[in-house]
Amino acid sequence: MSIIIEIVQGVGSIVLGLINIYIWVVIITALLSFVNPDPYNPIVQFLYRITNPAYVLVRKFIKTNFNGLDLAPLIIIIGLQIITVLLGSILHALY
């Protein structure tokens, strides 16, 4: 039974790492929106392609544009942080 727990903890740690990477991608994309980078840059296109589905999902349920300021990245980061805390506590409880 301990082998299954170790596998679940390993997969959970990988998921937590991927969530943390995605949080940084959202932060970088939000910062890029302030400087208006070249839209034809492949890195910028990649970042927008990764974050745009999450933005669309949040904007479908919540109005995120307040006085020209888009709060969708903030809502996504808060939601991912909540998931990180919950998943981390679940994985910690398996010890």
C-alpha atoms as a PDB file:
ATOM      1  CA  MET A   1       0.000   0.000   0.000  1.00  0.00           C
ATOM      2  CA  SER A   2       2.910   2.369   0.649  1.00  0.00           C
ATOM      3  CA  ILE A   3       4.005   2.062  -2.986  1.00  0.00           C
ATOM      4  CA  ILE A   4       0.638   3.436  -4.142  1.00  0.00           C
ATOM      5  CA  ILE A   5       0.915   6.315  -1.677  1.00  0.00           C
ATOM      6  CA  GLU A   6       4.409   7.133  -2.932  1.00  0.00           C
ATOM      7  CA  ILE A   7       3.199   7.075  -6.543  1.00  0.00           C
ATOM      8  CA  VAL A   8       0.281   9.384  -5.685  1.00  0.00           C
ATOM      9  CA  GLN A   9       2.630  11.729  -3.834  1.00  0.00           C
ATOM     10  CA  GLY A  10       5.040  11.764  -6.770  1.00  0.00           C
ATOM     11  CA  VAL A  11       2.302  12.527  -9.288  1.00  0.00           C
ATOM     12  CA  GLY A  12       0.902  15.147  -6.924  1.00  0.00           C
ATOM     13  CA  SER A  13       4.303  16.791  -6.633  1.00  0.00           C
ATOM     14  CA  ILE A  14       4.589  16.916 -10.416  1.00  0.00           C
ATOM     15  CA  VAL A  15       1.121  18.486 -10.650  1.00  0.00           C
ATOM     16  CA  LEU A  16       2.070  21.064  -8.013  1.00  0.00           C
ATOM     17  CA  GLY A  17       5.199  21.904  -9.982  1.00  0.00           C
ATOM     18  CA  LEU A  18       3.222  22.322 -13.202  1.00  0.00           C
ATOM     19  CA  ILE A  19       0.729  24.584 -11.420  1.00  0.00           C
ATOM     20  CA  ASN A  20       3.592  26.733 -10.131  1.00  0.00           C
ATOM     21  CA  ILE A  21       5.073  26.978 -13.623  1.00  0.00           C
ATOM     22  CA  TYR A  22       1.674  28.003 -15.018  1.00  0.00           C
ATOM     23  CA  ILE A  23       1.356  30.678 -12.322  1.00  0.00           C
ATOM     24  CA  TRP A  24       4.667  32.147 -13.490  1.00  0.00           C
ATOM     25  CA  VAL A  25       3.533  31.991 -17.114  1.00  0.00           C
ATOM     26  CA  VAL A  26       0.375  33.940 -16.188  1.00  0.00           C
ATOM     27  CA  ILE A  27       2.477  36.515 -14.318  1.00  0.00           C
ATOM     28  CA  ILE A  28       4.856  36.922 -17.261  1.00  0.00           C
ATOM     29  CA  THR A  29       1.948  37.271 -19.708  1.00  0.00           C
ATOM     30  CA  ALA A  30       0.288  39.865 -17.484  1.00  0.00           C
ATOM     31  CA  LEU A  31       3.519  41.850 -17.302  1.00  0.00           C
ATOM     32  CA  LEU A  32       3.939  41.607 -21.072  1.00  0.00           C
ATOM     33  CA  SER A  33       0.500  43.143 -21.560  1.00  0.00           C
ATOM     34  CA  PHE A  34       1.803  46.374 -20.012  1.00  0.00           C
ATOM     35  CA  VAL A  35       4.599  46.820 -22.577  1.00  0.00           C
ATOM     36  CA  ASN A  36       2.768  45.696 -25.763  1.00  0.00           C
ATOM     37  CA  PRO A  37       5.377  43.308 -27.204  1.00  0.00           C
ATOM     38  CA  ASP A  38       5.625  42.331 -30.861  1.00  0.00           C
ATOM     39  CA  PRO A  39       2.598  40.053 -31.493  1.00  0.00           C
ATOM     40  CA  TYR A  40       4.545  38.135 -34.153  1.00  0.00           C
ATOM     41  CA  ASN A  41       7.252  37.062 -31.716  1.00  0.00           C
ATOM     42  CA  PRO A  42       6.988  33.255 -31.322  1.00  0.00           C
ATOM     43  CA  ILE A  43       7.546  33.412 -27.559  1.00  0.00           C
ATOM     44  CA  VAL A  44       4.786  35.984 -27.114  1.00  0.00           C
ATOM     45  CA  GLN A  45       2.444  33.936 -29.308  1.00  0.00           C
ATOM     46  CA  PHE A  46       3.228  30.818 -27.269  1.00  0.00           C
ATOM     47  CA  LEU A  47       2.540  32.599 -23.969  1.00  0.00           C
ATOM     48  CA  TYR A  48      -0.734  34.047 -25.244  1.00  0.00           C
ATOM     49  CA  ARG A  49      -1.782  30.674 -26.660  1.00  0.00           C
ATOM     50  CA  ILE A  50      -1.185  28.993 -23.294  1.00  0.00           C
ATOM     51  CA  THR A  51      -2.933  31.601 -21.128  1.00  0.00           C
ATOM     52  CA  ASN A  52      -5.793  32.685 -23.388  1.00  0.00           C
ATOM     53  CA  PRO A  53      -8.039  29.632 -22.706  1.00  0.00           C
ATOM     54  CA  ALA A  54      -7.854  30.282 -18.953  1.00  0.00           C
ATOM     55  CA  TYR A  55      -8.614  33.977 -19.507  1.00  0.00           C
ATOM     56  CA  VAL A  56     -11.628  33.116 -21.664  1.00  0.00           C
ATOM     57  CA  LEU A  57     -12.923  30.685 -19.048  1.00  0.00           C
ATOM     58  CA  VAL A  58     -12.655  33.263 -16.261  1.00  0.00           C
ATOM     59  CA  ARG A  59     -14.153  36.041 -18.387  1.00  0.00           C
ATOM     60  CA  LYS A  60     -17.118  33.837 -19.244  1.00  0.00           C
ATOM     61  CA  PHE A  61     -18.203  33.714 -15.588  1.00  0.00           C
ATOM     62  CA  ILE A  62     -16.821  36.929 -14.059  1.00  0.00           C
ATOM     63  CA  LYS A  63     -16.580  40.489 -15.342  1.00  0.00           C
ATOM     64  CA  THR A  64     -12.855  41.152 -15.130  1.00  0.00           C
ATOM     65  CA  ASN A  65     -12.428  44.526 -16.860  1.00  0.00           C
ATOM     66  CA  PHE A  66     -12.515  47.374 -14.348  1.00  0.00           C
ATOM     67  CA  ASN A  67     -11.641  50.834 -15.698  1.00  0.00           C
ATOM     68  CA  GLY A  68      -9.377  49.380 -18.383  1.00  0.00           C
ATOM     69  CA  LEU A  69      -7.576  47.049 -15.987  1.00  0.00           C
ATOM     70  CA  ASP A  70      -8.006  43.327 -16.632  1.00  0.00           C
ATOM     71  CA  LEU A  71      -8.178  41.336 -13.399  1.00  0.00           C
ATOM     72  CA  ALA A  72      -8.384  37.905 -15.058  1.00  0.00           C
ATOM     73  CA  PRO A  73      -4.714  37.062 -14.340  1.00  0.00           C
ATOM     74  CA  LEU A  74      -5.197  37.917 -10.669  1.00  0.00           C
ATOM     75  CA  ILE A  75      -8.291  35.713 -10.429  1.00  0.00           C
ATOM     76  CA  ILE A  76      -6.469  32.843 -12.154  1.00  0.00           C
ATOM     77  CA  ILE A  77      -3.456  33.147  -9.843  1.00  0.00           C
ATOM     78  CA  ILE A  78      -5.653  33.222  -6.723  1.00  0.00           C
ATOM     79  CA  GLY A  79      -7.576  30.172  -7.948  1.00  0.00           C
ATOM     80  CA  LEU A  80      -4.385  28.267  -8.704  1.00  0.00           C
ATOM     81  CA  GLN A  81      -2.948  29.180  -5.303  1.00  0.00           C
ATOM     82  CA  ILE A  82      -6.090  27.794  -3.638  1.00  0.00           C
ATOM     83  CA  ILE A  83      -5.717  24.572  -5.643  1.00  0.00           C
ATOM     84  CA  THR A  84      -2.035  24.400  -4.641  1.00  0.00           C
ATOM     85  CA  VAL A  85      -2.840  24.748  -0.945  1.00  0.00           C
ATOM     86  CA  LEU A  86      -5.635  22.160  -1.100  1.00  0.00           C
ATOM     87  CA  LEU A  87      -3.579  19.666  -3.099  1.00  0.00           C
ATOM     88  CA  GLY A  88      -0.559  20.199  -0.860  1.00  0.00           C
ATOM     89  CA  SER A  89      -2.605  19.547   2.275  1.00  0.00           C
ATOM     90  CA  ILE A  90      -4.123  16.423   0.732  1.00  0.00           C
ATOM     91  CA  LEU A  91      -0.676  15.116  -0.205  1.00  0.00           C
ATOM     92  CA  HIS A  92       0.654  15.976   3.261  1.00  0.00           C
ATOM     93  CA  ALA A  93      -2.223  14.054   4.858  1.00  0.00           C
ATOM     94  CA  LEU A  94      -1.109  10.889   3.042  1.00  0.00           C
ATOM     95  CA  TYR A  95       2.081  10.624   5.122  1.00  0.00           C
END
